[in-house]
Amino acid sequence: MASNTELWDQLPGAIREARAAQQRLDDIVAALLDRRRRGDIDRLAELLEVDRKTISRWARDLDEGIWPPRRRLS
């Protein structure tokens, strides 16, 4: 198991990687939402484990220039 010092040393890199991954996820979802294909919306809802209502809200937010959505993608 890593020491406390090693964990602290690893943390900044892990944070950068997580932020970059979150940005990539946000960008991909925004692109798919922008296209508004029914199959894409259904698949997004399934993969992101949210309902279609949430996806619709995100699409409206995107239309209004609110992105990333208020509720983080995970």
N, C-alpha and C. Protein backbone atom coordinates (compact mmCIF):
# COMPACT_ATOMS: atom_id res chain seq x y z
N MET A 1 0.84 -1.17 0.00
CA MET A 1 0.00 0.00 0.00
C MET A 1 0.89 1.24 0.00
N ALA A 2 0.45 2.26 -0.72
CA ALA A 2 1.23 3.49 -0.82
C ALA A 2 1.23 4.24 0.51
N SER A 3 2.33 4.93 0.72
CA SER A 3 2.42 5.75 1.94
C SER A 3 1.57 7.01 1.78
N ASN A 4 1.35 7.67 2.87
CA ASN A 4 0.58 8.92 2.86
C ASN A 4 1.23 9.94 1.93
N THR A 5 2.56 10.05 2.00
CA THR A 5 3.29 11.00 1.16
C THR A 5 3.12 10.65 -0.32
N GLU A 6 3.20 9.37 -0.64
CA GLU A 6 3.02 8.94 -2.04
C GLU A 6 1.62 9.26 -2.54
N LEU A 7 0.63 9.07 -1.69
CA LEU A 7 -0.75 9.39 -2.07
C LEU A 7 -0.90 10.88 -2.34
N TRP A 8 -0.34 11.71 -1.46
CA TRP A 8 -0.41 13.16 -1.66
C TRP A 8 0.31 13.56 -2.96
N ASP A 9 1.42 12.91 -3.25
CA ASP A 9 2.16 13.21 -4.47
C ASP A 9 1.36 12.83 -5.72
N GLN A 10 0.54 11.80 -5.63
CA GLN A 10 -0.25 11.33 -6.77
C GLN A 10 -1.53 12.15 -6.99
N LEU A 11 -1.98 12.81 -5.94
CA LEU A 11 -3.28 13.50 -6.00
C LEU A 11 -3.38 14.57 -7.08
N PRO A 12 -2.43 15.49 -7.24
CA PRO A 12 -2.58 16.52 -8.28
C PRO A 12 -2.75 15.93 -9.69
N GLY A 13 -1.99 14.91 -10.01
CA GLY A 13 -2.11 14.28 -11.32
C GLY A 13 -3.46 13.60 -11.49
N ALA A 14 -3.92 12.96 -10.45
CA ALA A 14 -5.23 12.29 -10.51
C ALA A 14 -6.35 13.31 -10.69
N ILE A 15 -6.24 14.45 -10.03
CA ILE A 15 -7.24 15.51 -10.18
C ILE A 15 -7.24 16.04 -11.62
N ARG A 16 -6.07 16.29 -12.18
CA ARG A 16 -5.98 16.76 -13.57
C ARG A 16 -6.60 15.75 -14.53
N GLU A 17 -6.29 14.48 -14.34
CA GLU A 17 -6.84 13.43 -15.20
C GLU A 17 -8.36 13.35 -15.09
N ALA A 18 -8.87 13.46 -13.87
CA ALA A 18 -10.32 13.40 -13.66
C ALA A 18 -11.02 14.59 -14.32
N ARG A 19 -10.44 15.76 -14.20
CA ARG A 19 -11.03 16.96 -14.82
C ARG A 19 -11.02 16.85 -16.34
N ALA A 20 -9.92 16.35 -16.89
CA ALA A 20 -9.85 16.18 -18.34
C ALA A 20 -10.86 15.16 -18.82
N ALA A 21 -11.02 14.08 -18.08
CA ALA A 21 -12.01 13.05 -18.44
C ALA A 21 -13.42 13.61 -18.34
N GLN A 22 -13.70 14.42 -17.31
CA GLN A 22 -15.02 15.02 -17.16
C GLN A 22 -15.31 15.96 -18.32
N GLN A 23 -14.31 16.74 -18.73
CA GLN A 23 -14.49 17.67 -19.84
C GLN A 23 -14.77 16.91 -21.13
N ARG A 24 -14.05 15.82 -21.34
CA ARG A 24 -14.27 15.00 -22.54
C ARG A 24 -15.68 14.42 -22.53
N LEU A 25 -16.13 13.91 -21.39
CA LEU A 25 -17.48 13.38 -21.27
C LEU A 25 -18.51 14.46 -21.55
N ASP A 26 -18.32 15.64 -20.96
CA ASP A 26 -19.24 16.76 -21.20
C ASP A 26 -19.31 17.10 -22.69
N ASP A 27 -18.16 17.15 -23.35
CA ASP A 27 -18.11 17.50 -24.77
C ASP A 27 -18.82 16.46 -25.64
N ILE A 28 -18.60 15.19 -25.35
CA ILE A 28 -19.24 14.12 -26.13
C ILE A 28 -20.75 14.16 -25.95
N VAL A 29 -21.21 14.28 -24.72
CA VAL A 29 -22.65 14.31 -24.45
C VAL A 29 -23.27 15.53 -25.12
N ALA A 30 -22.61 16.68 -25.04
CA ALA A 30 -23.14 17.88 -25.69
C ALA A 30 -23.28 17.68 -27.18
N ALA A 31 -22.30 17.08 -27.81
CA ALA A 31 -22.37 16.84 -29.26
C ALA A 31 -23.53 15.91 -29.60
N LEU A 32 -23.71 14.86 -28.81
CA LEU A 32 -24.81 13.93 -29.08
C LEU A 32 -26.17 14.59 -28.82
N LEU A 33 -26.27 15.37 -27.76
CA LEU A 33 -27.52 16.06 -27.47
C LEU A 33 -27.87 17.06 -28.58
N ASP A 34 -26.85 17.71 -29.10
CA ASP A 34 -27.06 18.70 -30.13
C ASP A 34 -27.69 18.09 -31.38
N ARG A 35 -27.43 16.83 -31.63
CA ARG A 35 -27.96 16.16 -32.81
C ARG A 35 -29.39 15.67 -32.62
N ARG A 36 -29.81 15.46 -31.40
CA ARG A 36 -31.18 15.10 -31.04
C ARG A 36 -31.74 13.87 -31.76
N ARG A 37 -30.94 12.88 -31.96
CA ARG A 37 -31.45 11.64 -32.55
C ARG A 37 -32.05 10.79 -31.44
N ARG A 38 -33.23 10.28 -31.67
CA ARG A 38 -33.93 9.52 -30.62
C ARG A 38 -33.09 8.36 -30.11
N GLY A 39 -32.50 7.60 -30.98
CA GLY A 39 -31.68 6.47 -30.54
C GLY A 39 -30.51 6.91 -29.68
N ASP A 40 -29.90 8.04 -30.05
CA ASP A 40 -28.79 8.57 -29.26
C ASP A 40 -29.25 8.98 -27.87
N ILE A 41 -30.41 9.63 -27.80
CA ILE A 41 -30.93 10.09 -26.51
C ILE A 41 -31.23 8.90 -25.61
N ASP A 42 -31.87 7.88 -26.16
CA ASP A 42 -32.17 6.68 -25.37
C ASP A 42 -30.90 6.02 -24.88
N ARG A 43 -29.92 5.92 -25.74
CA ARG A 43 -28.66 5.27 -25.36
C ARG A 43 -27.92 6.11 -24.30
N LEU A 44 -27.92 7.43 -24.47
CA LEU A 44 -27.30 8.30 -23.46
C LEU A 44 -27.95 8.10 -22.10
N ALA A 45 -29.26 8.09 -22.09
CA ALA A 45 -29.98 7.92 -20.82
C ALA A 45 -29.57 6.60 -20.16
N GLU A 46 -29.48 5.56 -20.96
CA GLU A 46 -29.11 4.26 -20.42
C GLU A 46 -27.68 4.26 -19.89
N LEU A 47 -26.74 4.75 -20.68
CA LEU A 47 -25.33 4.73 -20.28
C LEU A 47 -25.03 5.63 -19.09
N LEU A 48 -25.71 6.77 -19.04
CA LEU A 48 -25.48 7.70 -17.94
C LEU A 48 -26.36 7.43 -16.73
N GLU A 49 -27.23 6.43 -16.88
CA GLU A 49 -28.12 6.00 -15.79
C GLU A 49 -29.00 7.15 -15.30
N VAL A 50 -29.61 7.83 -16.27
CA VAL A 50 -30.58 8.88 -15.98
C VAL A 50 -31.81 8.61 -16.84
N ASP A 51 -32.91 9.30 -16.52
CA ASP A 51 -34.11 9.10 -17.32
C ASP A 51 -34.14 10.09 -18.50
N ARG A 52 -35.08 9.86 -19.41
CA ARG A 52 -35.20 10.72 -20.59
C ARG A 52 -35.52 12.16 -20.19
N LYS A 53 -36.23 12.34 -19.09
CA LYS A 53 -36.56 13.69 -18.63
C LYS A 53 -35.28 14.47 -18.32
N THR A 54 -34.32 13.81 -17.69
CA THR A 54 -33.05 14.46 -17.38
C THR A 54 -32.31 14.81 -18.67
N ILE A 55 -32.31 13.89 -19.62
CA ILE A 55 -31.66 14.15 -20.91
C ILE A 55 -32.33 15.34 -21.59
N SER A 56 -33.65 15.39 -21.55
CA SER A 56 -34.38 16.51 -22.16
C SER A 56 -34.02 17.82 -21.48
N ARG A 57 -33.89 17.80 -20.17
CA ARG A 57 -33.51 19.01 -19.43
C ARG A 57 -32.10 19.45 -19.84
N TRP A 58 -31.19 18.48 -19.96
CA TRP A 58 -29.84 18.82 -20.39
C TRP A 58 -29.86 19.42 -21.80
N ALA A 59 -30.70 18.88 -22.67
CA ALA A 59 -30.80 19.40 -24.04
C ALA A 59 -31.30 20.85 -24.01
N ARG A 60 -32.29 21.14 -23.18
CA ARG A 60 -32.79 22.52 -23.04
C ARG A 60 -31.69 23.42 -22.48
N ASP A 61 -30.97 22.94 -21.47
CA ASP A 61 -29.87 23.71 -20.91
C ASP A 61 -28.85 24.04 -22.00
N LEU A 62 -28.52 23.05 -22.81
CA LEU A 62 -27.55 23.24 -23.89
C LEU A 62 -28.06 24.31 -24.86
N ASP A 63 -29.34 24.24 -25.20
CA ASP A 63 -29.94 25.23 -26.10
C ASP A 63 -29.84 26.65 -25.51
N GLU A 64 -29.90 26.74 -24.19
CA GLU A 64 -29.85 28.03 -23.52
C GLU A 64 -28.42 28.46 -23.18
N GLY A 65 -27.46 27.67 -23.63
CA GLY A 65 -26.07 28.02 -23.40
C GLY A 65 -25.55 27.63 -22.02
N ILE A 66 -26.28 26.79 -21.33
CA ILE A 66 -25.86 26.32 -20.01
C ILE A 66 -25.22 24.95 -20.20
N TRP A 67 -23.91 24.94 -20.19
CA TRP A 67 -23.20 23.66 -20.32
C TRP A 67 -21.85 23.81 -19.68
N PRO A 68 -21.41 22.85 -18.90
CA PRO A 68 -22.03 21.56 -18.62
C PRO A 68 -23.29 21.72 -17.77
N PRO A 69 -24.08 20.67 -17.74
CA PRO A 69 -25.36 20.74 -17.01
C PRO A 69 -25.13 20.97 -15.53
N ARG A 70 -26.19 21.43 -14.88
CA ARG A 70 -26.12 21.70 -13.44
C ARG A 70 -25.77 20.43 -12.67
N ARG A 71 -26.36 19.31 -13.06
CA ARG A 71 -26.05 18.02 -12.44
C ARG A 71 -24.92 17.41 -13.24
N ARG A 72 -23.84 17.13 -12.59
CA ARG A 72 -22.66 16.60 -13.29
C ARG A 72 -22.96 15.25 -13.92
N LEU A 73 -22.34 15.03 -15.06
CA LEU A 73 -22.41 13.73 -15.71
C LEU A 73 -21.48 12.80 -14.97
N SER A 74 -21.85 11.56 -14.88
CA SER A 74 -20.96 10.62 -14.18
C SER A 74 -20.94 9.30 -14.89
